[in-house]
Amino acid sequence: MTSTVNFVPLKDRVLLKRVDQEAKTPGGIIIPDTAKEKPVEGEVLAVGSGVRDEQGNLHSLEVKVGDKVLFSKWGGNEVKIDGCDYVIMKESDILGILNK
């Protein structure tokens, strides 16, 4: 699902694409779109350059392009770039990286 987006986040911000949830429960019940919750899993598409400490040293972000991450349901700002929906959030709002 990794794609190229014409957008570069600033500093400690990250651009994510939400990963869609399953349309079926484990028991086989189909969930309509209106009943689905916002996914809290996403793929990192772009990362900022990092943050500077008090001495001016640049610290790069821990997440990198291609990482699958978990974030809070209402975290970040939803944006539309080139007709696609994305989420921009600070790295500190990401809860963790999913192991592959």
PDB file of N, CA and C in Angstrom:
ATOM      1  N   MET A   1       0.821  -1.194   0.000  1.00  0.00           N
ATOM      2  CA  MET A   1       0.000   0.000   0.000  1.00  0.00           C
ATOM      3  C   MET A   1       0.863   1.255   0.000  1.00  0.00           C
ATOM      4  N   THR A   2       2.146   1.148   0.147  1.00  0.00           N
ATOM      5  CA  THR A   2       3.011   2.314   0.157  1.00  0.00           C
ATOM      6  C   THR A   2       2.879   3.069  -1.154  1.00  0.00           C
ATOM      7  N   SER A   3       2.687   4.382  -1.051  1.00  0.00           N
ATOM      8  CA  SER A   3       2.530   5.199  -2.243  1.00  0.00           C
ATOM      9  C   SER A   3       3.297   6.496  -2.046  1.00  0.00           C
ATOM     10  N   THR A   4       3.514   7.188  -3.152  1.00  0.00           N
ATOM     11  CA  THR A   4       4.220   8.456  -3.106  1.00  0.00           C
ATOM     12  C   THR A   4       3.198   9.577  -3.015  1.00  0.00           C
ATOM     13  N   VAL A   5       3.372  10.462  -2.051  1.00  0.00           N
ATOM     14  CA  VAL A   5       2.478  11.586  -1.856  1.00  0.00           C
ATOM     15  C   VAL A   5       3.292  12.853  -2.009  1.00  0.00           C
ATOM     16  N   ASN A   6       2.723  13.828  -2.677  1.00  0.00           N
ATOM     17  CA  ASN A   6       3.413  15.089  -2.909  1.00  0.00           C
ATOM     18  C   ASN A   6       3.223  16.000  -1.693  1.00  0.00           C
ATOM     19  N   PHE A   7       3.795  15.586  -0.551  1.00  0.00           N
ATOM     20  CA  PHE A   7       3.636  16.318   0.708  1.00  0.00           C
ATOM     21  C   PHE A   7       4.785  15.949   1.631  1.00  0.00           C
ATOM     22  N   VAL A   8       5.382  16.942   2.276  1.00  0.00           N
ATOM     23  CA  VAL A   8       6.449  16.696   3.250  1.00  0.00           C
ATOM     24  C   VAL A   8       6.029  17.325   4.575  1.00  0.00           C
ATOM     25  N   PRO A   9       5.808  16.502   5.621  1.00  0.00           N
ATOM     26  CA  PRO A   9       5.456  17.050   6.930  1.00  0.00           C
ATOM     27  C   PRO A   9       6.623  17.832   7.524  1.00  0.00           C
ATOM     28  N   LEU A  10       6.314  18.791   8.372  1.00  0.00           N
ATOM     29  CA  LEU A  10       7.336  19.588   9.037  1.00  0.00           C
ATOM     30  C   LEU A  10       7.672  19.010  10.406  1.00  0.00           C
ATOM     31  N   LYS A  11       8.908  19.176  10.802  1.00  0.00           N
ATOM     32  CA  LYS A  11       9.444  18.828  12.120  1.00  0.00           C
ATOM     33  C   LYS A  11       9.057  17.423  12.568  1.00  0.00           C
ATOM     34  N   ASP A  12       8.243  17.302  13.649  1.00  0.00           N
ATOM     35  CA  ASP A  12       7.921  15.993  14.224  1.00  0.00           C
ATOM     36  C   ASP A  12       6.565  15.472  13.770  1.00  0.00           C
ATOM     37  N   ARG A  13       6.106  15.920  12.629  1.00  0.00           N
ATOM     38  CA  ARG A  13       4.807  15.468  12.126  1.00  0.00           C
ATOM     39  C   ARG A  13       4.967  14.309  11.142  1.00  0.00           C
ATOM     40  N   VAL A  14       3.889  13.508  11.063  1.00  0.00           N
ATOM     41  CA  VAL A  14       3.889  12.303  10.243  1.00  0.00           C
ATOM     42  C   VAL A  14       2.610  12.285   9.415  1.00  0.00           C
ATOM     43  N   LEU A  15       2.712  11.868   8.151  1.00  0.00           N
ATOM     44  CA  LEU A  15       1.545  11.703   7.280  1.00  0.00           C
ATOM     45  C   LEU A  15       1.190  10.226   7.244  1.00  0.00           C
ATOM     46  N   LEU A  16      -0.077   9.911   7.583  1.00  0.00           N
ATOM     47  CA  LEU A  16      -0.550   8.529   7.641  1.00  0.00           C
ATOM     48  C   LEU A  16      -1.718   8.311   6.702  1.00  0.00           C
ATOM     49  N   LYS A  17      -1.842   7.089   6.229  1.00  0.00           N
ATOM     50  CA  LYS A  17      -3.026   6.642   5.501  1.00  0.00           C
ATOM     51  C   LYS A  17      -3.668   5.591   6.382  1.00  0.00           C
ATOM     52  N   ARG A  18      -4.947   5.804   6.725  1.00  0.00           N
ATOM     53  CA  ARG A  18      -5.645   4.830   7.570  1.00  0.00           C
ATOM     54  C   ARG A  18      -5.769   3.495   6.847  1.00  0.00           C
ATOM     55  N   VAL A  19      -5.632   2.399   7.602  1.00  0.00           N
ATOM     56  CA  VAL A  19      -5.819   1.056   7.074  1.00  0.00           C
ATOM     57  C   VAL A  19      -7.249   0.659   7.389  1.00  0.00           C
ATOM     58  N   ASP A  20      -8.001   0.281   6.360  1.00  0.00           N
ATOM     59  CA  ASP A  20      -9.415  -0.066   6.538  1.00  0.00           C
ATOM     60  C   ASP A  20      -9.586  -1.317   7.380  1.00  0.00           C
ATOM     61  N   GLN A  21     -10.687  -1.309   8.144  1.00  0.00           N
ATOM     62  CA  GLN A  21     -11.026  -2.456   8.975  1.00  0.00           C
ATOM     63  C   GLN A  21     -11.702  -3.520   8.129  1.00  0.00           C
ATOM     64  N   GLU A  22     -11.769  -4.715   8.689  1.00  0.00           N
ATOM     65  CA  GLU A  22     -12.487  -5.804   8.047  1.00  0.00           C
ATOM     66  C   GLU A  22     -13.975  -5.461   7.995  1.00  0.00           C
ATOM     67  N   ALA A  23     -14.640  -5.838   6.929  1.00  0.00           N
ATOM     68  CA  ALA A  23     -16.067  -5.581   6.787  1.00  0.00           C
ATOM     69  C   ALA A  23     -16.898  -6.677   7.426  1.00  0.00           C
ATOM     70  N   LYS A  24     -16.243  -7.709   7.974  1.00  0.00           N
ATOM     71  CA  LYS A  24     -16.930  -8.839   8.583  1.00  0.00           C
ATOM     72  C   LYS A  24     -16.368  -9.110   9.963  1.00  0.00           C
ATOM     73  N   THR A  25     -17.226  -9.507  10.867  1.00  0.00           N
ATOM     74  CA  THR A  25     -16.772  -9.925  12.196  1.00  0.00           C
ATOM     75  C   THR A  25     -16.234 -11.348  12.088  1.00  0.00           C
ATOM     76  N   PRO A  26     -15.516 -11.828  13.112  1.00  0.00           N
ATOM     77  CA  PRO A  26     -15.031 -13.213  13.066  1.00  0.00           C
ATOM     78  C   PRO A  26     -16.174 -14.224  12.935  1.00  0.00           C
ATOM     79  N   GLY A  27     -17.363 -13.859  13.390  1.00  0.00           N
ATOM     80  CA  GLY A  27     -18.519 -14.749  13.296  1.00  0.00           C
ATOM     81  C   GLY A  27     -19.208 -14.704  11.943  1.00  0.00           C
ATOM     82  N   GLY A  28     -18.737 -13.828  11.028  1.00  0.00           N
ATOM     83  CA  GLY A  28     -19.297 -13.777   9.683  1.00  0.00           C
ATOM     84  C   GLY A  28     -20.346 -12.698   9.472  1.00  0.00           C
ATOM     85  N   ILE A  29     -20.605 -11.859  10.477  1.00  0.00           N
ATOM     86  CA  ILE A  29     -21.596 -10.799  10.336  1.00  0.00           C
ATOM     87  C   ILE A  29     -20.968  -9.649   9.558  1.00  0.00           C
ATOM     88  N   ILE A  30     -21.650  -9.186   8.517  1.00  0.00           N
ATOM     89  CA  ILE A  30     -21.142  -8.084   7.705  1.00  0.00           C
ATOM     90  C   ILE A  30     -21.497  -6.769   8.387  1.00  0.00           C
ATOM     91  N   ILE A  31     -20.488  -5.898   8.547  1.00  0.00           N
ATOM     92  CA  ILE A  31     -20.671  -4.615   9.207  1.00  0.00           C
ATOM     93  C   ILE A  31     -20.899  -3.544   8.141  1.00  0.00           C
ATOM     94  N   PRO A  32     -22.039  -2.829   8.190  1.00  0.00           N
ATOM     95  CA  PRO A  32     -22.264  -1.765   7.206  1.00  0.00           C
ATOM     96  C   PRO A  32     -21.321  -0.587   7.451  1.00  0.00           C
ATOM     97  N   ASP A  33     -21.035   0.181   6.400  1.00  0.00           N
ATOM     98  CA  ASP A  33     -20.117   1.317   6.503  1.00  0.00           C
ATOM     99  C   ASP A  33     -20.531   2.303   7.583  1.00  0.00           C
ATOM    100  N   THR A  34     -21.833   2.496   7.781  1.00  0.00           N
ATOM    101  CA  THR A  34     -22.303   3.470   8.768  1.00  0.00           C
ATOM    102  C   THR A  34     -22.024   3.043  10.201  1.00  0.00           C
ATOM    103  N   ALA A  35     -21.821   1.753  10.430  1.00  0.00           N
ATOM    104  CA  ALA A  35     -21.577   1.250  11.785  1.00  0.00           C
ATOM    105  C   ALA A  35     -20.092   1.074  12.090  1.00  0.00           C
ATOM    106  N   LYS A  36     -19.249   1.212  11.094  1.00  0.00           N
ATOM    107  CA  LYS A  36     -17.814   1.017  11.310  1.00  0.00           C
ATOM    108  C   LYS A  36     -17.222   2.176  12.092  1.00  0.00           C
ATOM    109  N   GLU A  37     -16.272   1.855  12.951  1.00  0.00           N
ATOM    110  CA  GLU A  37     -15.539   2.890  13.671  1.00  0.00           C
ATOM    111  C   GLU A  37     -14.348   3.308  12.822  1.00  0.00           C
ATOM    112  N   LYS A  38     -13.826   4.500  13.123  1.00  0.00           N
ATOM    113  CA  LYS A  38     -12.631   4.954  12.427  1.00  0.00           C
ATOM    114  C   LYS A  38     -11.496   3.993  12.735  1.00  0.00           C
ATOM    115  N   PRO A  39     -10.737   3.599  11.722  1.00  0.00           N
ATOM    116  CA  PRO A  39      -9.591   2.729  11.994  1.00  0.00           C
ATOM    117  C   PRO A  39      -8.543   3.463  12.823  1.00  0.00           C
ATOM    118  N   VAL A  40      -7.871   2.728  13.676  1.00  0.00           N
ATOM    119  CA  VAL A  40      -6.807   3.311  14.495  1.00  0.00           C
ATOM    120  C   VAL A  40      -5.452   2.757  14.079  1.00  0.00           C
ATOM    121  N   GLU A  41      -5.430   2.116  12.925  1.00  0.00           N
ATOM    122  CA  GLU A  41      -4.192   1.588  12.374  1.00  0.00           C
ATOM    123  C   GLU A  41      -3.913   2.322  11.078  1.00  0.00           C
ATOM    124  N   GLY A  42      -2.647   2.640  10.849  1.00  0.00           N
ATOM    125  CA  GLY A  42      -2.308   3.349   9.626  1.00  0.00           C
ATOM    126  C   GLY A  42      -0.914   3.010   9.148  1.00  0.00           C
ATOM    127  N   GLU A  43      -0.645   3.440   7.917  1.00  0.00           N
ATOM    128  CA  GLU A  43       0.683   3.258   7.333  1.00  0.00           C
ATOM    129  C   GLU A  43       1.328   4.622   7.186  1.00  0.00           C
ATOM    130  N   VAL A  44       2.581   4.727   7.599  1.00  0.00           N
ATOM    131  CA  VAL A  44       3.326   5.980   7.503  1.00  0.00           C
ATOM    132  C   VAL A  44       3.734   6.198   6.050  1.00  0.00           C
ATOM    133  N   LEU A  45       3.319   7.331   5.483  1.00  0.00           N
ATOM    134  CA  LEU A  45       3.646   7.654   4.100  1.00  0.00           C
ATOM    135  C   LEU A  45       4.747   8.693   3.979  1.00  0.00           C
ATOM    136  N   ALA A  46       4.884   9.569   4.986  1.00  0.00           N
ATOM    137  CA  ALA A  46       5.925  10.599   4.964  1.00  0.00           C
ATOM    138  C   ALA A  46       6.203  11.045   6.392  1.00  0.00           C
ATOM    139  N   VAL A  47       7.455  11.402   6.670  1.00  0.00           N
ATOM    140  CA  VAL A  47       7.835  11.876   7.999  1.00  0.00           C
ATOM    141  C   VAL A  47       8.593  13.189   7.887  1.00  0.00           C
ATOM    142  N   GLY A  48       8.494  13.992   8.934  1.00  0.00           N
ATOM    143  CA  GLY A  48       9.217  15.257   8.994  1.00  0.00           C
ATOM    144  C   GLY A  48      10.690  15.039   9.296  1.00  0.00           C
ATOM    145  N   SER A  49      11.426  16.129   9.349  1.00  0.00           N
ATOM    146  CA  SER A  49      12.876  16.049   9.545  1.00  0.00           C
ATOM    147  C   SER A  49      13.277  15.732  10.980  1.00  0.00           C
ATOM    148  N   GLY A  50      12.384  15.950  11.942  1.00  0.00           N
ATOM    149  CA  GLY A  50      12.696  15.696  13.345  1.00  0.00           C
ATOM    150  C   GLY A  50      12.602  16.969  14.158  1.00  0.00           C
ATOM    151  N   VAL A  51      12.980  16.879  15.426  1.00  0.00           N
ATOM    152  CA  VAL A  51      12.908  18.037  16.319  1.00  0.00           C
ATOM    153  C   VAL A  51      14.299  18.386  16.830  1.00  0.00           C
ATOM    154  N   ARG A  52      14.460  19.641  17.160  1.00  0.00           N
ATOM    155  CA  ARG A  52      15.737  20.114  17.704  1.00  0.00           C
ATOM    156  C   ARG A  52      15.619  20.234  19.219  1.00  0.00           C
ATOM    157  N   ASP A  53      16.675  19.821  19.907  1.00  0.00           N
ATOM    158  CA  ASP A  53      16.698  19.982  21.357  1.00  0.00           C
ATOM    159  C   ASP A  53      17.185  21.385  21.704  1.00  0.00           C
ATOM    160  N   GLU A  54      17.355  21.658  22.992  1.00  0.00           N
ATOM    161  CA  GLU A  54      17.746  22.995  23.448  1.00  0.00           C
ATOM    162  C   GLU A  54      19.130  23.402  22.955  1.00  0.00           C
ATOM    163  N   GLN A  55      19.977  22.425  22.641  1.00  0.00           N
ATOM    164  CA  GLN A  55      21.319  22.718  22.132  1.00  0.00           C
ATOM    165  C   GLN A  55      21.342  22.861  20.610  1.00  0.00           C
ATOM    166  N   GLY A  56      20.215  22.636  19.968  1.00  0.00           N
ATOM    167  CA  GLY A  56      20.135  22.767  18.516  1.00  0.00           C
ATOM    168  C   GLY A  56      20.419  21.489  17.752  1.00  0.00           C
ATOM    169  N   ASN A  57      20.589  20.378  18.463  1.00  0.00           N
ATOM    170  CA  ASN A  57      20.842  19.098  17.799  1.00  0.00           C
ATOM    171  C   ASN A  57      19.540  18.532  17.239  1.00  0.00           C
ATOM    172  N   LEU A  58      19.578  18.038  16.010  1.00  0.00           N
ATOM    173  CA  LEU A  58      18.395  17.482  15.360  1.00  0.00           C
ATOM    174  C   LEU A  58      18.251  16.008  15.738  1.00  0.00           C
ATOM    175  N   HIS A  59      17.062  15.640  16.223  1.00  0.00           N
ATOM    176  CA  HIS A  59      16.753  14.253  16.570  1.00  0.00           C
ATOM    177  C   HIS A  59      15.718  13.750  15.572  1.00  0.00           C
ATOM    178  N   SER A  60      16.086  12.743  14.784  1.00  0.00           N
ATOM    179  CA  SER A  60      15.171  12.212  13.780  1.00  0.00           C
ATOM    180  C   SER A  60      14.050  11.424  14.454  1.00  0.00           C
ATOM    181  N   LEU A  61      12.986  11.173  13.709  1.00  0.00           N
ATOM    182  CA  LEU A  61      11.834  10.463  14.245  1.00  0.00           C
ATOM    183  C   LEU A  61      12.094   8.962  14.297  1.00  0.00           C
ATOM    184  N   GLU A  62      11.399   8.280  15.200  1.00  0.00           N
ATOM    185  CA  GLU A  62      11.545   6.826  15.329  1.00  0.00           C
ATOM    186  C   GLU A  62      10.790   6.093  14.233  1.00  0.00           C
ATOM    187  N   VAL A  63       9.632   6.636  13.819  1.00  0.00           N
ATOM    188  CA  VAL A  63       8.869   5.975  12.753  1.00  0.00           C
ATOM    189  C   VAL A  63       9.477   6.334  11.412  1.00  0.00           C
ATOM    190  N   LYS A  64       9.290   5.434  10.448  1.00  0.00           N
ATOM    191  CA  LYS A  64       9.799   5.698   9.109  1.00  0.00           C
ATOM    192  C   LYS A  64       8.739   5.301   8.078  1.00  0.00           C
ATOM    193  N   VAL A  65       8.930   5.746   6.869  1.00  0.00           N
ATOM    194  CA  VAL A  65       7.989   5.459   5.793  1.00  0.00           C
ATOM    195  C   VAL A  65       7.827   3.949   5.655  1.00  0.00           C
ATOM    196  N   GLY A  66       6.579   3.512   5.577  1.00  0.00           N
ATOM    197  CA  GLY A  66       6.269   2.091   5.442  1.00  0.00           C
ATOM    198  C   GLY A  66       5.875   1.416   6.737  1.00  0.00           C
ATOM    199  N   ASP A  67       6.158   2.046   7.900  1.00  0.00           N
ATOM    200  CA  ASP A  67       5.776   1.459   9.188  1.00  0.00           C
ATOM    201  C   ASP A  67       4.268   1.405   9.330  1.00  0.00           C
ATOM    202  N   LYS A  68       3.769   0.326   9.927  1.00  0.00           N
ATOM    203  CA  LYS A  68       2.362   0.215  10.314  1.00  0.00           C
ATOM    204  C   LYS A  68       2.286   0.624  11.777  1.00  0.00           C
ATOM    205  N   VAL A  69       1.405   1.580  12.098  1.00  0.00           N
ATOM    206  CA  VAL A  69       1.348   2.130  13.451  1.00  0.00           C
ATOM    207  C   VAL A  69      -0.073   2.120  13.991  1.00  0.00           C
ATOM    208  N   LEU A  70      -0.185   2.200  15.311  1.00  0.00           N
ATOM    209  CA  LEU A  70      -1.463   2.387  15.994  1.00  0.00           C
ATOM    210  C   LEU A  70      -1.487   3.790  16.562  1.00  0.00           C
ATOM    211  N   PHE A  71      -2.648   4.438  16.484  1.00  0.00           N
ATOM    212  CA  PHE A  71      -2.798   5.779  17.032  1.00  0.00           C
ATOM    213  C   PHE A  71      -4.179   5.915  17.635  1.00  0.00           C
ATOM    214  N   SER A  72      -4.383   6.957  18.451  1.00  0.00           N
ATOM    215  CA  SER A  72      -5.672   7.130  19.111  1.00  0.00           C
ATOM    216  C   SER A  72      -6.751   7.452  18.087  1.00  0.00           C
ATOM    217  N   LYS A  73      -7.962   7.030  18.397  1.00  0.00           N
ATOM    218  CA  LYS A  73      -9.089   7.154  17.470  1.00  0.00           C
ATOM    219  C   LYS A  73      -9.296   8.591  16.998  1.00  0.00           C
ATOM    220  N   TRP A  74      -9.135   9.539  17.874  1.00  0.00           N
ATOM    221  CA  TRP A  74      -9.408  10.937  17.515  1.00  0.00           C
ATOM    222  C   TRP A  74      -8.125  11.750  17.360  1.00  0.00           C
ATOM    223  N   GLY A  75      -6.986  11.087  17.227  1.00  0.00           N
ATOM    224  CA  GLY A  75      -5.716  11.780  17.100  1.00  0.00           C
ATOM    225  C   GLY A  75      -5.493  12.346  15.708  1.00  0.00           C
ATOM    226  N   GLY A  76      -4.719  13.398  15.629  1.00  0.00           N
ATOM    227  CA  GLY A  76      -4.309  13.967  14.348  1.00  0.00           C
ATOM    228  C   GLY A  76      -5.350  14.836  13.674  1.00  0.00           C
ATOM    229  N   ASN A  77      -4.972  15.345  12.520  1.00  0.00           N
ATOM    230  CA  ASN A  77      -5.845  16.181  11.701  1.00  0.00           C
ATOM    231  C   ASN A  77      -6.094  15.479  10.376  1.00  0.00           C
ATOM    232  N   GLU A  78      -7.352  15.336  10.011  1.00  0.00           N
ATOM    233  CA  GLU A  78      -7.687  14.709   8.743  1.00  0.00           C
ATOM    234  C   GLU A  78      -7.574  15.741   7.633  1.00  0.00           C
ATOM    235  N   VAL A  79      -6.901  15.364   6.547  1.00  0.00           N
ATOM    236  CA  VAL A  79      -6.708  16.255   5.403  1.00  0.00           C
ATOM    237  C   VAL A  79      -6.984  15.480   4.119  1.00  0.00           C
ATOM    238  N   LYS A  80      -7.232  16.221   3.061  1.00  0.00           N
ATOM    239  CA  LYS A  80      -7.424  15.628   1.747  1.00  0.00           C
ATOM    240  C   LYS A  80      -6.334  16.187   0.848  1.00  0.00           C
ATOM    241  N   ILE A  81      -5.512  15.311   0.268  1.00  0.00           N
ATOM    242  CA  ILE A  81      -4.434  15.706  -0.628  1.00  0.00           C
ATOM    243  C   ILE A  81      -4.628  14.940  -1.930  1.00  0.00           C
ATOM    244  N   ASP A  82      -4.717  15.667  -3.029  1.00  0.00           N
ATOM    245  CA  ASP A  82      -4.922  15.053  -4.348  1.00  0.00           C
ATOM    246  C   ASP A  82      -6.118  14.102  -4.348  1.00  0.00           C
ATOM    247  N   GLY A  83      -7.181  14.464  -3.622  1.00  0.00           N
ATOM    248  CA  GLY A  83      -8.411  13.679  -3.605  1.00  0.00           C
ATOM    249  C   GLY A  83      -8.406  12.482  -2.678  1.00  0.00           C
ATOM    250  N   CYS A  84      -7.333  12.243  -1.942  1.00  0.00           N
ATOM    251  CA  CYS A  84      -7.262  11.111  -1.014  1.00  0.00           C
ATOM    252  C   CYS A  84      -7.243  11.609   0.422  1.00  0.00           C
ATOM    253  N   ASP A  85      -7.835  10.819   1.330  1.00  0.00           N
ATOM    254  CA  ASP A  85      -7.892  11.181   2.741  1.00  0.00           C
ATOM    255  C   ASP A  85      -6.663  10.669   3.484  1.00  0.00           C
ATOM    256  N   TYR A  86      -6.066  11.556   4.285  1.00  0.00           N
ATOM    257  CA  TYR A  86      -4.897  11.231   5.083  1.00  0.00           C
ATOM    258  C   TYR A  86      -5.062  11.806   6.479  1.00  0.00           C
ATOM    259  N   VAL A  87      -4.145  11.441   7.377  1.00  0.00           N
ATOM    260  CA  VAL A  87      -4.098  11.979   8.733  1.00  0.00           C
ATOM    261  C   VAL A  87      -2.688  12.516   8.960  1.00  0.00           C
ATOM    262  N   ILE A  88      -2.604  13.745   9.477  1.00  0.00           N
ATOM    263  CA  ILE A  88      -1.321  14.322   9.871  1.00  0.00           C
ATOM    264  C   ILE A  88      -1.324  14.425  11.390  1.00  0.00           C
ATOM    265  N   MET A  89      -0.283  13.899  12.026  1.00  0.00           N
ATOM    266  CA  MET A  89      -0.205  13.972  13.483  1.00  0.00           C
ATOM    267  C   MET A  89       1.251  14.055  13.924  1.00  0.00           C
ATOM    268  N   LYS A  90       1.441  14.487  15.163  1.00  0.00           N
ATOM    269  CA  LYS A  90       2.775  14.495  15.749  1.00  0.00           C
ATOM    270  C   LYS A  90       3.169  13.063  16.076  1.00  0.00           C
ATOM    271  N   GLU A  91       4.449  12.793  16.006  1.00  0.00           N
ATOM    272  CA  GLU A  91       4.920  11.445  16.316  1.00  0.00           C
ATOM    273  C   GLU A  91       4.527  11.042  17.732  1.00  0.00           C
ATOM    274  N   SER A  92       4.477  11.985  18.648  1.00  0.00           N
ATOM    275  CA  SER A  92       4.129  11.672  20.038  1.00  0.00           C
ATOM    276  C   SER A  92       2.684  11.185  20.182  1.00  0.00           C
ATOM    277  N   ASP A  93       1.827  11.441  19.178  1.00  0.00           N
ATOM    278  CA  ASP A  93       0.442  10.959  19.209  1.00  0.00           C
ATOM    279  C   ASP A  93       0.315   9.521  18.720  1.00  0.00           C
ATOM    280  N   ILE A  94       1.389   8.963  18.168  1.00  0.00           N
ATOM    281  CA  ILE A  94       1.380   7.572  17.725  1.00  0.00           C
ATOM    282  C   ILE A  94       1.647   6.695  18.936  1.00  0.00           C
ATOM    283  N   LEU A  95       0.815   5.660  19.103  1.00  0.00           N
ATOM    284  CA  LEU A  95       0.906   4.800  20.279  1.00  0.00           C
ATOM    285  C   LEU A  95       2.006   3.758  20.146  1.00  0.00           C
ATOM    286  N   GLY A  96       2.244   3.275  18.932  1.00  0.00           N
ATOM    287  CA  GLY A  96       3.279   2.259  18.750  1.00  0.00           C
ATOM    288  C   GLY A  96       3.365   1.785  17.318  1.00  0.00           C
ATOM    289  N   ILE A  97       4.426   1.052  17.025  1.00  0.00           N
ATOM    290  CA  ILE A  97       4.667   0.483  15.702  1.00  0.00           C
ATOM    291  C   ILE A  97       4.307  -0.992  15.756  1.00  0.00           C
ATOM    292  N   LEU A  98       3.522  -1.448  14.778  1.00  0.00           N
ATOM    293  CA  LEU A  98       3.152  -2.864  14.708  1.00  0.00           C
ATOM    294  C   LEU A  98       4.296  -3.650  14.073  1.00  0.00           C
ATOM    295  N   ASN A  99       4.671  -4.760  14.682  1.00  0.00           N
ATOM    296  CA  ASN A  99       5.714  -5.623  14.126  1.00  0.00           C
ATOM    297  C   ASN A  99       5.166  -6.357  12.917  1.00  0.00           C
ATOM    298  N   LYS A 100       6.012  -6.562  11.941  1.00  0.00           N
ATOM    299  CA  LYS A 100       5.579  -7.225  10.701  1.00  0.00           C
ATOM    300  C   LYS A 100       5.653  -8.714  10.828  1.00  0.00           C
TER     301      LYS A 100
END
